[in-house]
Amino acid sequence: MDIVQQHMLDSYRAAQHGEPPPPLPGRHDREVLRELRRRFHAWTAGQNRRDA
C-alpha cells in the first residue's frame, strides 16, 4: 500500500468515526526538516562547547 492509499483509508476511517481527516501526505515536511535542522545545529553547538 502506498502513501496515497493509506491516506484514503485513514480519511475513510475518520469519516466513519466523525473525526476530522488527517493532513495530506507531505504537508508538514518542510516544518519538520527545519525543526530537525535547528535541533541538530543546537546539538552540534553544544558538543563544540564541551570539547573546547
PDB file of N, CA and C in Angstrom:
ATOM      1  N   MET A   1       0.843  -1.165   0.000  1.00  0.00           N
ATOM      2  CA  MET A   1       0.000   0.000   0.000  1.00  0.00           C
ATOM      3  C   MET A   1       0.898   1.241   0.000  1.00  0.00           C
ATOM      4  N   ASP A   2       0.604   2.150  -0.931  1.00  0.00           N
ATOM      5  CA  ASP A   2       1.411   3.365  -0.964  1.00  0.00           C
ATOM      6  C   ASP A   2       0.789   4.443  -0.073  1.00  0.00           C
ATOM      7  N   ILE A   3       1.436   5.579   0.007  1.00  0.00           N
ATOM      8  CA  ILE A   3       1.018   6.614   0.950  1.00  0.00           C
ATOM      9  C   ILE A   3      -0.337   7.219   0.588  1.00  0.00           C
ATOM     10  N   VAL A   4      -0.647   7.295  -0.712  1.00  0.00           N
ATOM     11  CA  VAL A   4      -1.935   7.846  -1.129  1.00  0.00           C
ATOM     12  C   VAL A   4      -3.064   6.906  -0.715  1.00  0.00           C
ATOM     13  N   GLN A   5      -2.856   5.618  -0.909  1.00  0.00           N
ATOM     14  CA  GLN A   5      -3.870   4.642  -0.499  1.00  0.00           C
ATOM     15  C   GLN A   5      -4.061   4.661   1.014  1.00  0.00           C
ATOM     16  N   GLN A   6      -2.981   4.780   1.752  1.00  0.00           N
ATOM     17  CA  GLN A   6      -3.072   4.844   3.210  1.00  0.00           C
ATOM     18  C   GLN A   6      -3.848   6.079   3.645  1.00  0.00           C
ATOM     19  N   HIS A   7      -3.586   7.215   2.987  1.00  0.00           N
ATOM     20  CA  HIS A   7      -4.296   8.438   3.324  1.00  0.00           C
ATOM     21  C   HIS A   7      -5.789   8.292   3.023  1.00  0.00           C
ATOM     22  N   MET A   8      -6.122   7.673   1.900  1.00  0.00           N
ATOM     23  CA  MET A   8      -7.529   7.464   1.570  1.00  0.00           C
ATOM     24  C   MET A   8      -8.208   6.583   2.618  1.00  0.00           C
ATOM     25  N   LEU A   9      -7.527   5.539   3.045  1.00  0.00           N
ATOM     26  CA  LEU A   9      -8.077   4.647   4.061  1.00  0.00           C
ATOM     27  C   LEU A   9      -8.246   5.381   5.397  1.00  0.00           C
ATOM     28  N   ASP A  10      -7.248   6.150   5.794  1.00  0.00           N
ATOM     29  CA  ASP A  10      -7.337   6.913   7.038  1.00  0.00           C
ATOM     30  C   ASP A  10      -8.460   7.952   6.975  1.00  0.00           C
ATOM     31  N   SER A  11      -8.629   8.593   5.820  1.00  0.00           N
ATOM     32  CA  SER A  11      -9.707   9.566   5.650  1.00  0.00           C
ATOM     33  C   SER A  11     -11.067   8.891   5.753  1.00  0.00           C
ATOM     34  N   TYR A  12     -11.196   7.729   5.147  1.00  0.00           N
ATOM     35  CA  TYR A  12     -12.453   6.975   5.218  1.00  0.00           C
ATOM     36  C   TYR A  12     -12.776   6.594   6.663  1.00  0.00           C
ATOM     37  N   ARG A  13     -11.782   6.082   7.368  1.00  0.00           N
ATOM     38  CA  ARG A  13     -11.996   5.686   8.763  1.00  0.00           C
ATOM     39  C   ARG A  13     -12.374   6.887   9.624  1.00  0.00           C
ATOM     40  N   ALA A  14     -11.717   8.024   9.392  1.00  0.00           N
ATOM     41  CA  ALA A  14     -12.033   9.229  10.159  1.00  0.00           C
ATOM     42  C   ALA A  14     -13.472   9.664   9.893  1.00  0.00           C
ATOM     43  N   ALA A  15     -13.889   9.597   8.637  1.00  0.00           N
ATOM     44  CA  ALA A  15     -15.261   9.978   8.289  1.00  0.00           C
ATOM     45  C   ALA A  15     -16.266   9.046   8.968  1.00  0.00           C
ATOM     46  N   GLN A  16     -15.947   7.766   9.044  1.00  0.00           N
ATOM     47  CA  GLN A  16     -16.844   6.798   9.674  1.00  0.00           C
ATOM     48  C   GLN A  16     -17.000   7.065  11.170  1.00  0.00           C
ATOM     49  N   HIS A  17     -15.965   7.611  11.793  1.00  0.00           N
ATOM     50  CA  HIS A  17     -15.983   7.879  13.232  1.00  0.00           C
ATOM     51  C   HIS A  17     -16.324   9.335  13.560  1.00  0.00           C
ATOM     52  N   GLY A  18     -16.616  10.126  12.531  1.00  0.00           N
ATOM     53  CA  GLY A  18     -16.956  11.525  12.757  1.00  0.00           C
ATOM     54  C   GLY A  18     -15.783  12.379  13.189  1.00  0.00           C
ATOM     55  N   GLU A  19     -14.590  11.985  12.817  1.00  0.00           N
ATOM     56  CA  GLU A  19     -13.369  12.716  13.180  1.00  0.00           C
ATOM     57  C   GLU A  19     -12.878  13.529  11.986  1.00  0.00           C
ATOM     58  N   PRO A  20     -12.061  14.541  12.225  1.00  0.00           N
ATOM     59  CA  PRO A  20     -11.502  15.297  11.088  1.00  0.00           C
ATOM     60  C   PRO A  20     -10.516  14.427  10.304  1.00  0.00           C
ATOM     61  N   PRO A  21     -10.416  14.657   9.007  1.00  0.00           N
ATOM     62  CA  PRO A  21      -9.483  13.855   8.208  1.00  0.00           C
ATOM     63  C   PRO A  21      -8.029  14.183   8.557  1.00  0.00           C
ATOM     64  N   PRO A  22      -7.128  13.254   8.333  1.00  0.00           N
ATOM     65  CA  PRO A  22      -5.706  13.516   8.602  1.00  0.00           C
ATOM     66  C   PRO A  22      -5.150  14.519   7.588  1.00  0.00           C
ATOM     67  N   PRO A  23      -4.028  15.168   7.921  1.00  0.00           N
ATOM     68  CA  PRO A  23      -3.433  16.108   6.961  1.00  0.00           C
ATOM     69  C   PRO A  23      -2.925  15.362   5.728  1.00  0.00           C
ATOM     70  N   LEU A  24      -2.830  16.073   4.639  1.00  0.00           N
ATOM     71  CA  LEU A  24      -2.340  15.473   3.405  1.00  0.00           C
ATOM     72  C   LEU A  24      -0.891  15.022   3.574  1.00  0.00           C
ATOM     73  N   PRO A  25      -0.505  13.959   2.894  1.00  0.00           N
ATOM     74  CA  PRO A  25       0.879  13.491   2.985  1.00  0.00           C
ATOM     75  C   PRO A  25       1.856  14.580   2.513  1.00  0.00           C
ATOM     76  N   GLY A  26       2.901  14.789   3.285  1.00  0.00           N
ATOM     77  CA  GLY A  26       3.934  15.748   2.915  1.00  0.00           C
ATOM     78  C   GLY A  26       3.620  17.180   3.271  1.00  0.00           C
ATOM     79  N   ARG A  27       2.483  17.423   3.891  1.00  0.00           N
ATOM     80  CA  ARG A  27       2.076  18.796   4.170  1.00  0.00           C
ATOM     81  C   ARG A  27       3.006  19.491   5.162  1.00  0.00           C
ATOM     82  N   HIS A  28       3.540  18.771   6.109  1.00  0.00           N
ATOM     83  CA  HIS A  28       4.375  19.379   7.150  1.00  0.00           C
ATOM     84  C   HIS A  28       5.859  19.036   7.000  1.00  0.00           C
ATOM     85  N   ASP A  29       6.252  18.529   5.849  1.00  0.00           N
ATOM     86  CA  ASP A  29       7.639  18.096   5.661  1.00  0.00           C
ATOM     87  C   ASP A  29       8.645  19.219   5.871  1.00  0.00           C
ATOM     88  N   ARG A  30       8.383  20.380   5.314  1.00  0.00           N
ATOM     89  CA  ARG A  30       9.339  21.486   5.449  1.00  0.00           C
ATOM     90  C   ARG A  30       9.502  21.903   6.900  1.00  0.00           C
ATOM     91  N   GLU A  31       8.383  21.987   7.616  1.00  0.00           N
ATOM     92  CA  GLU A  31       8.446  22.377   9.028  1.00  0.00           C
ATOM     93  C   GLU A  31       9.244  21.363   9.836  1.00  0.00           C
ATOM     94  N   VAL A  32       9.033  20.094   9.566  1.00  0.00           N
ATOM     95  CA  VAL A  32       9.746  19.035  10.290  1.00  0.00           C
ATOM     96  C   VAL A  32      11.236  19.111   9.989  1.00  0.00           C
ATOM     97  N   LEU A  33      11.593  19.287   8.727  1.00  0.00           N
ATOM     98  CA  LEU A  33      13.006  19.369   8.362  1.00  0.00           C
ATOM     99  C   LEU A  33      13.674  20.598   8.971  1.00  0.00           C
ATOM    100  N   ARG A  34      12.969  21.735   8.991  1.00  0.00           N
ATOM    101  CA  ARG A  34      13.534  22.933   9.624  1.00  0.00           C
ATOM    102  C   ARG A  34      13.795  22.706  11.106  1.00  0.00           C
ATOM    103  N   GLU A  35      12.831  22.065  11.775  1.00  0.00           N
ATOM    104  CA  GLU A  35      12.991  21.812  13.206  1.00  0.00           C
ATOM    105  C   GLU A  35      14.148  20.848  13.465  1.00  0.00           C
ATOM    106  N   LEU A  36      14.256  19.798  12.654  1.00  0.00           N
ATOM    107  CA  LEU A  36      15.370  18.860  12.808  1.00  0.00           C
ATOM    108  C   LEU A  36      16.703  19.556  12.582  1.00  0.00           C
ATOM    109  N   ARG A  37      16.754  20.417  11.577  1.00  0.00           N
ATOM    110  CA  ARG A  37      17.992  21.154  11.292  1.00  0.00           C
ATOM    111  C   ARG A  37      18.358  22.064  12.459  1.00  0.00           C
ATOM    112  N   ARG A  38      17.347  22.774  13.005  1.00  0.00           N
ATOM    113  CA  ARG A  38      17.581  23.669  14.134  1.00  0.00           C
ATOM    114  C   ARG A  38      18.106  22.892  15.340  1.00  0.00           C
ATOM    115  N   ARG A  39      17.475  21.751  15.620  1.00  0.00           N
ATOM    116  CA  ARG A  39      17.909  20.940  16.760  1.00  0.00           C
ATOM    117  C   ARG A  39      19.309  20.374  16.542  1.00  0.00           C
ATOM    118  N   PHE A  40      19.617  19.974  15.308  1.00  0.00           N
ATOM    119  CA  PHE A  40      20.947  19.442  15.011  1.00  0.00           C
ATOM    120  C   PHE A  40      22.012  20.513  15.225  1.00  0.00           C
ATOM    121  N   HIS A  41      21.738  21.721  14.722  1.00  0.00           N
ATOM    122  CA  HIS A  41      22.712  22.804  14.894  1.00  0.00           C
ATOM    123  C   HIS A  41      22.879  23.167  16.369  1.00  0.00           C
ATOM    124  N   ALA A  42      21.800  23.150  17.119  1.00  0.00           N
ATOM    125  CA  ALA A  42      21.903  23.431  18.553  1.00  0.00           C
ATOM    126  C   ALA A  42      22.708  22.337  19.250  1.00  0.00           C
ATOM    127  N   TRP A  43      22.494  21.101  18.854  1.00  0.00           N
ATOM    128  CA  TRP A  43      23.220  19.984  19.458  1.00  0.00           C
ATOM    129  C   TRP A  43      24.706  20.057  19.135  1.00  0.00           C
ATOM    130  N   THR A  44      25.041  20.330  17.853  1.00  0.00           N
ATOM    131  CA  THR A  44      26.462  20.405  17.487  1.00  0.00           C
ATOM    132  C   THR A  44      27.132  21.594  18.174  1.00  0.00           C
ATOM    133  N   ALA A  45      26.402  22.692  18.350  1.00  0.00           N
ATOM    134  CA  ALA A  45      26.976  23.843  19.062  1.00  0.00           C
ATOM    135  C   ALA A  45      27.270  23.456  20.508  1.00  0.00           C
ATOM    136  N   GLY A  46      26.393  22.668  21.112  1.00  0.00           N
ATOM    137  CA  GLY A  46      26.622  22.196  22.476  1.00  0.00           C
ATOM    138  C   GLY A  46      27.796  21.249  22.551  1.00  0.00           C
ATOM    139  N   GLN A  47      27.987  20.430  21.552  1.00  0.00           N
ATOM    140  CA  GLN A  47      29.118  19.499  21.517  1.00  0.00           C
ATOM    141  C   GLN A  47      30.433  20.275  21.406  1.00  0.00           C
ATOM    142  N   ASN A  48      30.423  21.319  20.583  1.00  0.00           N
ATOM    143  CA  ASN A  48      31.634  22.126  20.406  1.00  0.00           C
ATOM    144  C   ASN A  48      32.015  22.852  21.697  1.00  0.00           C
ATOM    145  N   ARG A  49      31.030  23.309  22.459  1.00  0.00           N
ATOM    146  CA  ARG A  49      31.322  23.996  23.717  1.00  0.00           C
ATOM    147  C   ARG A  49      31.950  23.041  24.722  1.00  0.00           C
ATOM    148  N   ARG A  50      31.484  21.785  24.719  1.00  0.00           N
ATOM    149  CA  ARG A  50      32.028  20.803  25.663  1.00  0.00           C
ATOM    150  C   ARG A  50      33.462  20.409  25.311  1.00  0.00           C
ATOM    151  N   ASP A  51      33.757  20.382  23.999  1.00  0.00           N
ATOM    152  CA  ASP A  51      35.110  19.988  23.561  1.00  0.00           C
ATOM    153  C   ASP A  51      36.122  21.083  23.809  1.00  0.00           C
ATOM    154  N   ALA A  52      35.678  22.328  23.847  1.00  0.00           N
ATOM    155  CA  ALA A  52      36.626  23.453  23.974  1.00  0.00           C
ATOM    156  C   ALA A  52      37.147  23.603  25.391  1.00  0.00           C
TER     157      ALA A  52
END
